[in-house]
Amino acid sequence: MTTTELMRRLNESISGGRSFGPAFERDGCLVIPVALVLGGGGGGGGEPVEPGQAVEPETTGAGAGAQPSDRPVLRRPGQGGGFGLVSWPIGVYVVKDGEARWRPLVSAGDVGFLVLMLARLFTRSRRRRALARR
């Protein structure tokens, strides 16, 4: 796979449809899913080694006092690449009678409850560690 083909596939893969799917209509309402999508990609390359080309020794460390290692470094043709995708569904827009309304997947109350539960778990674990030290 070439780097150009990798980037083309990356571009095709990054979309909100990975989390939710396409917009749809039901009972006279248009529902438009919304997702937070983060993606990235990378590429690579290399240079071919010509027959009879000298091989440079690998150094064991960085800096002026670095010593060559026993193993030579071979330069070979190379390729590389990859990509990643993270997609979180965050809500939907509901369009009815020409009016659009936002419906979040998680409400502010849900987030507040989660923060309180995490704070409670954190303080309990700190207390248990303090009692165990005594």
Protein backbone atom coordinates (compact mmCIF):
# COMPACT_ATOMS: atom_id res chain seq x y z
CA MET A 1 0.00 0.00 0.00
CA THR A 2 1.45 3.36 -1.00
CA THR A 3 1.36 6.45 1.16
CA THR A 4 -1.09 8.09 -1.25
CA GLU A 5 -3.48 5.15 -0.99
CA LEU A 6 -3.16 5.20 2.81
CA MET A 7 -4.08 8.89 2.96
CA ARG A 8 -7.06 8.29 0.65
CA ARG A 9 -8.34 5.53 2.93
CA LEU A 10 -7.81 7.74 5.96
CA ASN A 11 -9.88 10.51 4.39
CA GLU A 12 -12.70 8.04 3.62
CA SER A 13 -12.68 6.62 7.16
CA ILE A 14 -12.94 9.84 9.17
CA SER A 15 -16.64 10.66 9.35
CA GLY A 16 -19.40 10.98 11.89
CA GLY A 17 -21.20 8.06 10.26
CA ARG A 18 -18.76 5.76 12.05
CA SER A 19 -20.52 6.56 15.35
CA PHE A 20 -24.14 7.04 14.42
CA GLY A 21 -24.98 6.62 10.77
CA PRO A 22 -26.74 8.85 8.28
CA ALA A 23 -29.59 11.27 8.99
CA PHE A 24 -33.06 9.75 8.86
CA GLU A 25 -36.68 10.84 8.93
CA ARG A 26 -39.30 9.39 11.24
CA ASP A 27 -42.82 10.58 12.15
CA GLY A 28 -42.34 13.85 10.28
CA CYS A 29 -39.06 14.64 12.12
CA LEU A 30 -35.63 14.80 10.54
CA VAL A 31 -33.01 13.38 12.93
CA ILE A 32 -29.41 14.41 12.24
CA PRO A 33 -26.82 12.51 14.33
CA VAL A 34 -23.77 14.46 15.52
CA ALA A 35 -20.42 12.99 16.58
CA LEU A 36 -17.03 14.32 17.65
CA VAL A 37 -14.53 12.72 15.30
CA LEU A 38 -10.76 12.85 15.75
CA GLY A 39 -8.38 11.16 13.37
CA GLY A 40 -4.81 11.19 12.26
CA GLY A 41 -2.47 9.44 9.93
CA GLY A 42 1.13 8.94 9.11
CA GLY A 43 3.35 7.91 6.30
CA GLY A 44 6.82 6.68 5.62
CA GLY A 45 9.37 5.90 2.99
CA GLY A 46 12.90 4.73 2.52
CA GLU A 47 15.91 4.63 0.24
CA PRO A 48 17.18 1.51 -1.48
CA VAL A 49 20.68 0.22 -0.73
CA GLU A 50 22.86 -0.06 -3.80
CA PRO A 51 25.05 -3.17 -4.11
CA GLY A 52 28.50 -2.58 -2.62
CA GLN A 53 27.39 0.48 -0.66
CA ALA A 54 29.29 0.96 2.61
CA VAL A 55 27.41 0.39 5.84
CA GLU A 56 27.85 2.84 8.72
CA PRO A 57 28.32 1.44 12.25
CA GLU A 58 25.53 2.10 14.75
CA THR A 59 26.44 4.18 17.80
CA THR A 60 25.39 3.02 21.27
CA GLY A 61 24.48 6.47 22.55
CA ALA A 62 24.04 10.07 21.59
CA GLY A 63 26.71 12.72 21.85
CA ALA A 64 30.36 13.17 21.03
CA GLY A 65 31.59 10.23 23.17
CA ALA A 66 29.33 7.63 21.56
CA GLN A 67 30.98 4.31 20.71
CA PRO A 68 30.19 2.19 17.61
CA SER A 69 28.37 -1.05 18.41
CA ASP A 70 29.35 -4.50 17.18
CA ARG A 71 26.36 -4.76 14.83
CA PRO A 72 26.30 -2.82 11.56
CA VAL A 73 23.26 -0.81 10.56
CA LEU A 74 21.77 -2.01 7.29
CA ARG A 75 19.88 0.47 5.20
CA ARG A 76 16.96 -1.22 3.49
CA PRO A 77 14.05 -0.08 1.38
CA GLY A 78 11.14 0.74 3.61
CA GLN A 79 7.53 1.75 3.75
CA GLY A 80 5.36 2.71 6.64
CA GLY A 81 2.16 4.30 7.67
CA GLY A 82 -0.92 4.02 9.74
CA PHE A 83 -3.90 5.91 10.99
CA GLY A 84 -6.20 6.07 13.94
CA LEU A 85 -9.77 7.15 14.47
CA VAL A 86 -11.73 8.06 17.60
CA SER A 87 -15.40 8.90 17.25
CA TRP A 88 -17.80 9.79 20.06
CA PRO A 89 -21.53 10.25 19.48
CA ILE A 90 -22.55 13.46 21.28
CA GLY A 91 -26.20 14.03 20.34
CA VAL A 92 -28.71 14.72 17.59
CA TYR A 93 -30.47 17.64 15.96
CA VAL A 94 -34.21 17.10 15.64
CA VAL A 95 -35.85 19.18 12.90
CA LYS A 96 -39.64 19.39 13.09
CA ASP A 97 -41.94 21.98 11.51
CA GLY A 98 -38.91 24.02 10.37
CA GLU A 99 -37.51 24.30 13.91
CA ALA A 100 -34.26 22.58 14.93
CA ARG A 101 -33.59 21.48 18.51
CA TRP A 102 -30.41 20.06 19.98
CA ARG A 103 -30.75 16.83 22.00
CA PRO A 104 -27.47 15.95 23.75
CA LEU A 105 -26.59 12.34 24.40
CA VAL A 106 -25.44 13.22 27.93
CA SER A 107 -27.07 15.93 30.02
CA ALA A 108 -25.30 18.31 32.40
CA GLY A 109 -26.92 16.47 35.32
CA ASP A 110 -25.38 13.19 34.17
CA VAL A 111 -21.93 14.78 34.01
CA GLY A 112 -22.37 16.32 37.49
CA PHE A 113 -23.43 12.97 38.94
CA LEU A 114 -20.40 11.26 37.39
CA VAL A 115 -18.03 13.90 38.83
CA LEU A 116 -19.54 13.47 42.32
CA MET A 117 -19.21 9.68 42.15
CA LEU A 118 -15.58 9.91 41.04
CA ALA A 119 -14.82 12.39 43.83
CA ARG A 120 -16.40 10.05 46.38
CA LEU A 121 -14.40 7.07 45.13
CA PHE A 122 -11.19 9.10 45.22
CA THR A 123 -11.69 10.29 48.81
CA ARG A 124 -12.59 6.78 50.00
CA SER A 125 -9.46 5.28 48.46
CA ARG A 126 -7.31 8.00 50.06
CA ARG A 127 -8.86 7.28 53.47
CA ARG A 128 -8.25 3.55 53.08
CA ARG A 129 -4.60 4.14 52.19
CA ALA A 130 -4.17 6.48 55.17
CA LEU A 131 -5.69 3.90 57.55
CA ALA A 132 -3.53 1.13 56.12
CA ARG A 133 -0.35 3.13 56.84
CA ARG A 134 -1.15 3.38 60.56
